[in-house]
Amino acid sequence: MISKLQNLIQILDKEIAAYTELKNLFSEKREILKKAKSDDLGVLDNKILAQNNIITKLNKKRQNLALELTGKDANMSEFIEFAEKNVPELKKPLEERKVKICKLIPEIMLLNQQNVELLKHGIIITNKMLETIIDAFAPQGSYYNGAGKTDTHDVDMWTINEEI
């Protein structure tokens, strides 16, 4: 039982390292979004997806170990209670990891929310730029002037137009 709890602590350490890396990637993404470097964004998104896969695999290992130890998918508080009853010397290391995880998750969520808002803002700016470009190159309609002739509102080189 002690070896399984020690294995759990190792898995938690790997999860903490993976969450820390994910946090760093989200911070890097925020900076890329601020600078509008879309070329770098795809590469970084692939790194985030790979990191997410690592976290998913670690979570699965932790869940399997939880089933072995407690018979259910236990949370950190339940692991701590289990350690307190069965291996008291591992209670404190588990509590320390719980604190680290509880600190990292809100930071990651905040960074992710900021990135979502930056993406939304980028989409709005891109749409406005596209509208401006389309308006600039769209053909202008013809209008009739007072003499019944069409006037395309083109800029004329002469300051005075004579109508024939």
C-alpha atoms as a PDB file:
ATOM      1  CA  MET A   1       0.000   0.000   0.000  1.00  0.00           C
ATOM      2  CA  ILE A   2       2.826   2.395   0.789  1.00  0.00           C
ATOM      3  CA  SER A   3       4.371   1.775  -2.642  1.00  0.00           C
ATOM      4  CA  LYS A   4       1.043   2.561  -4.325  1.00  0.00           C
ATOM      5  CA  LEU A   5       0.784   5.854  -2.441  1.00  0.00           C
ATOM      6  CA  GLN A   6       4.378   6.660  -3.330  1.00  0.00           C
ATOM      7  CA  ASN A   7       3.527   5.863  -6.950  1.00  0.00           C
ATOM      8  CA  LEU A   8       0.545   8.224  -6.619  1.00  0.00           C
ATOM      9  CA  ILE A   9       2.856  10.977  -5.387  1.00  0.00           C
ATOM     10  CA  GLN A  10       5.114  10.430  -8.428  1.00  0.00           C
ATOM     11  CA  ILE A  11       2.107  10.637 -10.747  1.00  0.00           C
ATOM     12  CA  LEU A  12       0.960  13.824  -9.004  1.00  0.00           C
ATOM     13  CA  ASP A  13       4.439  15.321  -9.423  1.00  0.00           C
ATOM     14  CA  LYS A  14       4.288  14.556 -13.152  1.00  0.00           C
ATOM     15  CA  GLU A  15       0.810  16.095 -13.325  1.00  0.00           C
ATOM     16  CA  ILE A  16       2.031  19.225 -11.586  1.00  0.00           C
ATOM     17  CA  ALA A  17       4.942  19.478 -14.040  1.00  0.00           C
ATOM     18  CA  ALA A  18       2.537  18.963 -16.965  1.00  0.00           C
ATOM     19  CA  TYR A  19       0.114  21.596 -15.659  1.00  0.00           C
ATOM     20  CA  THR A  20       3.013  24.002 -15.131  1.00  0.00           C
ATOM     21  CA  GLU A  21       4.117  23.463 -18.734  1.00  0.00           C
ATOM     22  CA  LEU A  22       0.537  23.977 -19.921  1.00  0.00           C
ATOM     23  CA  LYS A  23       0.403  27.237 -17.966  1.00  0.00           C
ATOM     24  CA  ASN A  24       3.642  28.352 -19.631  1.00  0.00           C
ATOM     25  CA  LEU A  25       2.257  27.485 -23.063  1.00  0.00           C
ATOM     26  CA  PHE A  26      -0.928  29.457 -22.359  1.00  0.00           C
ATOM     27  CA  SER A  27       1.205  32.435 -21.263  1.00  0.00           C
ATOM     28  CA  GLU A  28       3.214  32.169 -24.466  1.00  0.00           C
ATOM     29  CA  LYS A  29      -0.015  31.966 -26.480  1.00  0.00           C
ATOM     30  CA  ARG A  30      -1.303  35.120 -24.797  1.00  0.00           C
ATOM     31  CA  GLU A  31       1.833  36.984 -25.855  1.00  0.00           C
ATOM     32  CA  ILE A  32       1.539  35.706 -29.431  1.00  0.00           C
ATOM     33  CA  LEU A  33      -2.104  36.797 -29.550  1.00  0.00           C
ATOM     34  CA  LYS A  34      -1.175  40.239 -28.249  1.00  0.00           C
ATOM     35  CA  LYS A  35       1.478  40.625 -30.951  1.00  0.00           C
ATOM     36  CA  ALA A  36      -0.802  39.122 -33.652  1.00  0.00           C
ATOM     37  CA  LYS A  37       1.807  36.616 -34.823  1.00  0.00           C
ATOM     38  CA  SER A  38      -0.576  34.121 -36.374  1.00  0.00           C
ATOM     39  CA  ASP A  39       2.229  32.056 -37.939  1.00  0.00           C
ATOM     40  CA  ASP A  40       3.463  30.966 -34.513  1.00  0.00           C
ATOM     41  CA  LEU A  41      -0.038  30.252 -33.239  1.00  0.00           C
ATOM     42  CA  GLY A  42      -0.519  26.924 -35.047  1.00  0.00           C
ATOM     43  CA  VAL A  43       2.741  25.489 -33.743  1.00  0.00           C
ATOM     44  CA  LEU A  44       1.906  26.568 -30.219  1.00  0.00           C
ATOM     45  CA  ASP A  45      -1.609  25.121 -30.420  1.00  0.00           C
ATOM     46  CA  ASN A  46      -0.088  21.772 -31.405  1.00  0.00           C
ATOM     47  CA  LYS A  47       2.174  21.932 -28.347  1.00  0.00           C
ATOM     48  CA  ILE A  48      -0.850  22.695 -26.147  1.00  0.00           C
ATOM     49  CA  LEU A  49      -2.735  19.719 -27.594  1.00  0.00           C
ATOM     50  CA  ALA A  50       0.259  17.439 -26.999  1.00  0.00           C
ATOM     51  CA  GLN A  51       0.527  18.684 -23.411  1.00  0.00           C
ATOM     52  CA  ASN A  52      -3.178  18.098 -22.921  1.00  0.00           C
ATOM     53  CA  ASN A  53      -2.725  14.501 -24.110  1.00  0.00           C
ATOM     54  CA  ILE A  54       0.049  14.008 -21.550  1.00  0.00           C
ATOM     55  CA  ILE A  55      -2.215  15.355 -18.798  1.00  0.00           C
ATOM     56  CA  THR A  56      -5.059  13.071 -19.905  1.00  0.00           C
ATOM     57  CA  LYS A  57      -2.789  10.011 -19.721  1.00  0.00           C
ATOM     58  CA  LEU A  58      -1.530  11.014 -16.270  1.00  0.00           C
ATOM     59  CA  ASN A  59      -5.112  11.536 -15.069  1.00  0.00           C
ATOM     60  CA  LYS A  60      -5.995   8.050 -16.305  1.00  0.00           C
ATOM     61  CA  LYS A  61      -3.049   6.567 -14.377  1.00  0.00           C
ATOM     62  CA  ARG A  62      -4.132   8.451 -11.262  1.00  0.00           C
ATOM     63  CA  GLN A  63      -7.726   7.239 -11.658  1.00  0.00           C
ATOM     64  CA  ASN A  64      -6.598   3.626 -12.030  1.00  0.00           C
ATOM     65  CA  LEU A  65      -4.461   3.927  -8.928  1.00  0.00           C
ATOM     66  CA  ALA A  66      -7.377   5.516  -7.068  1.00  0.00           C
ATOM     67  CA  LEU A  67      -9.544   2.524  -7.960  1.00  0.00           C
ATOM     68  CA  GLU A  68      -6.877   0.182  -6.613  1.00  0.00           C
ATOM     69  CA  LEU A  69      -6.484   2.128  -3.375  1.00  0.00           C
ATOM     70  CA  THR A  70      -9.986   3.343  -2.553  1.00  0.00           C
ATOM     71  CA  GLY A  71     -12.262   1.451  -4.899  1.00  0.00           C
ATOM     72  CA  LYS A  72     -13.406   4.656  -6.608  1.00  0.00           C
ATOM     73  CA  ASP A  73     -12.111   7.665  -8.526  1.00  0.00           C
ATOM     74  CA  ALA A  74     -10.915   9.581  -5.488  1.00  0.00           C
ATOM     75  CA  ASN A  75     -10.142  13.280  -5.319  1.00  0.00           C
ATOM     76  CA  MET A  76      -7.158  14.763  -3.494  1.00  0.00           C
ATOM     77  CA  SER A  77      -9.033  15.155  -0.200  1.00  0.00           C
ATOM     78  CA  GLU A  78      -9.985  11.491  -0.296  1.00  0.00           C
ATOM     79  CA  PHE A  79      -6.365  10.514  -1.020  1.00  0.00           C
ATOM     80  CA  ILE A  80      -5.259  12.563   1.961  1.00  0.00           C
ATOM     81  CA  GLU A  81      -7.858  10.914   4.222  1.00  0.00           C
ATOM     82  CA  PHE A  82      -6.797   7.496   2.938  1.00  0.00           C
ATOM     83  CA  ALA A  83      -3.140   8.265   3.646  1.00  0.00           C
ATOM     84  CA  GLU A  84      -3.995   9.607   7.105  1.00  0.00           C
ATOM     85  CA  LYS A  85      -5.683   6.307   8.002  1.00  0.00           C
ATOM     86  CA  ASN A  86      -3.220   3.931   6.346  1.00  0.00           C
ATOM     87  CA  VAL A  87       0.159   5.649   5.868  1.00  0.00           C
ATOM     88  CA  PRO A  88       0.217   8.834   7.993  1.00  0.00           C
ATOM     89  CA  GLU A  89       3.740   9.833   6.936  1.00  0.00           C
ATOM     90  CA  LEU A  90       2.490  10.393   3.360  1.00  0.00           C
ATOM     91  CA  LYS A  91      -0.342  12.706   4.380  1.00  0.00           C
ATOM     92  CA  LYS A  92       1.798  15.846   4.341  1.00  0.00           C
ATOM     93  CA  PRO A  93       3.372  15.196   0.889  1.00  0.00           C
ATOM     94  CA  LEU A  94      -0.134  14.685  -0.522  1.00  0.00           C
ATOM     95  CA  GLU A  95      -1.362  17.906   1.101  1.00  0.00           C
ATOM     96  CA  GLU A  96       1.558  19.809  -0.429  1.00  0.00           C
ATOM     97  CA  ARG A  97       0.711  18.511  -3.890  1.00  0.00           C
ATOM     98  CA  LYS A  98      -2.939  19.370  -3.418  1.00  0.00           C
ATOM     99  CA  VAL A  99      -1.973  22.975  -2.650  1.00  0.00           C
ATOM    100  CA  LYS A 100       0.191  23.152  -5.780  1.00  0.00           C
ATOM    101  CA  ILE A 101      -2.559  21.739  -7.980  1.00  0.00           C
ATOM    102  CA  CYS A 102      -5.195  23.996  -6.439  1.00  0.00           C
ATOM    103  CA  LYS A 103      -2.972  26.990  -7.192  1.00  0.00           C
ATOM    104  CA  LEU A 104      -2.178  25.991 -10.784  1.00  0.00           C
ATOM    105  CA  ILE A 105      -5.687  25.196 -12.006  1.00  0.00           C
ATOM    106  CA  PRO A 106      -7.189  28.692 -11.478  1.00  0.00           C
ATOM    107  CA  GLU A 107      -4.112  30.284 -13.062  1.00  0.00           C
ATOM    108  CA  ILE A 108      -4.495  28.053 -16.140  1.00  0.00           C
ATOM    109  CA  MET A 109      -8.212  28.781 -16.334  1.00  0.00           C
ATOM    110  CA  LEU A 110      -7.577  32.536 -16.146  1.00  0.00           C
ATOM    111  CA  LEU A 111      -4.930  32.401 -18.881  1.00  0.00           C
ATOM    112  CA  ASN A 112      -7.224  30.319 -21.056  1.00  0.00           C
ATOM    113  CA  GLN A 113     -10.087  32.802 -20.570  1.00  0.00           C
ATOM    114  CA  GLN A 114      -7.784  35.696 -21.435  1.00  0.00           C
ATOM    115  CA  ASN A 115      -6.708  33.872 -24.599  1.00  0.00           C
ATOM    116  CA  VAL A 116     -10.326  33.303 -25.576  1.00  0.00           C
ATOM    117  CA  GLU A 117     -11.053  37.023 -25.147  1.00  0.00           C
ATOM    118  CA  LEU A 118      -7.972  37.938 -27.182  1.00  0.00           C
ATOM    119  CA  LEU A 119      -9.106  35.568 -29.938  1.00  0.00           C
ATOM    120  CA  LYS A 120     -12.581  37.117 -29.936  1.00  0.00           C
ATOM    121  CA  HIS A 121     -11.044  40.584 -30.178  1.00  0.00           C
ATOM    122  CA  GLY A 122      -8.775  39.416 -32.992  1.00  0.00           C
ATOM    123  CA  ILE A 123     -11.766  38.076 -34.907  1.00  0.00           C
ATOM    124  CA  ILE A 124     -13.570  41.419 -34.551  1.00  0.00           C
ATOM    125  CA  ILE A 125     -10.505  43.333 -35.765  1.00  0.00           C
ATOM    126  CA  THR A 126     -10.030  40.922 -38.685  1.00  0.00           C
ATOM    127  CA  ASN A 127     -13.666  41.281 -39.707  1.00  0.00           C
ATOM    128  CA  LYS A 128     -13.391  45.078 -39.660  1.00  0.00           C
ATOM    129  CA  MET A 129     -10.222  44.939 -41.751  1.00  0.00           C
ATOM    130  CA  LEU A 130     -11.909  42.654 -44.283  1.00  0.00           C
ATOM    131  CA  GLU A 131     -14.930  44.970 -44.487  1.00  0.00           C
ATOM    132  CA  THR A 132     -12.617  47.914 -45.140  1.00  0.00           C
ATOM    133  CA  ILE A 133     -10.747  46.045 -47.868  1.00  0.00           C
ATOM    134  CA  ILE A 134     -13.953  44.847 -49.512  1.00  0.00           C
ATOM    135  CA  ASP A 135     -15.439  48.345 -49.413  1.00  0.00           C
ATOM    136  CA  ALA A 136     -12.288  49.823 -50.927  1.00  0.00           C
ATOM    137  CA  PHE A 137     -12.246  47.430 -53.894  1.00  0.00           C
ATOM    138  CA  ALA A 138     -15.976  47.021 -54.462  1.00  0.00           C
ATOM    139  CA  PRO A 139     -17.170  48.580 -57.725  1.00  0.00           C
ATOM    140  CA  GLN A 140     -18.912  51.881 -57.218  1.00  0.00           C
ATOM    141  CA  GLY A 141     -22.387  52.299 -58.615  1.00  0.00           C
ATOM    142  CA  SER A 142     -23.103  54.854 -61.294  1.00  0.00           C
ATOM    143  CA  TYR A 143     -25.147  57.916 -60.492  1.00  0.00           C
ATOM    144  CA  TYR A 144     -26.807  60.376 -62.840  1.00  0.00           C
ATOM    145  CA  ASN A 145     -25.737  63.969 -62.572  1.00  0.00           C
ATOM    146  CA  GLY A 146     -27.891  67.006 -63.240  1.00  0.00           C
ATOM    147  CA  ALA A 147     -27.330  66.754 -67.027  1.00  0.00           C
ATOM    148  CA  GLY A 148     -28.608  63.175 -67.119  1.00  0.00           C
ATOM    149  CA  LYS A 149     -25.173  61.647 -67.581  1.00  0.00           C
ATOM    150  CA  THR A 150     -23.620  58.971 -65.443  1.00  0.00           C
ATOM    151  CA  ASP A 151     -21.139  60.050 -62.875  1.00  0.00           C
ATOM    152  CA  THR A 152     -19.006  57.296 -61.371  1.00  0.00           C
ATOM    153  CA  HIS A 153     -17.582  59.569 -58.704  1.00  0.00           C
ATOM    154  CA  ASP A 154     -14.092  58.916 -59.982  1.00  0.00           C
ATOM    155  CA  VAL A 155     -11.498  61.412 -58.925  1.00  0.00           C
ATOM    156  CA  ASP A 156     -10.826  63.714 -61.840  1.00  0.00           C
ATOM    157  CA  MET A 157      -7.514  65.363 -62.503  1.00  0.00           C
ATOM    158  CA  TRP A 158      -9.210  68.616 -63.505  1.00  0.00           C
ATOM    159  CA  THR A 159     -10.637  70.990 -61.008  1.00  0.00           C
ATOM    160  CA  ILE A 160     -13.460  71.977 -63.357  1.00  0.00           C
ATOM    161  CA  ASN A 161     -15.502  69.507 -65.370  1.00  0.00           C
ATOM    162  CA  GLU A 162     -17.256  70.792 -68.422  1.00  0.00           C
ATOM    163  CA  GLU A 163     -20.316  69.005 -69.533  1.00  0.00           C
ATOM    164  CA  ILE A 164     -20.680  68.584 -73.228  1.00  0.00           C
END
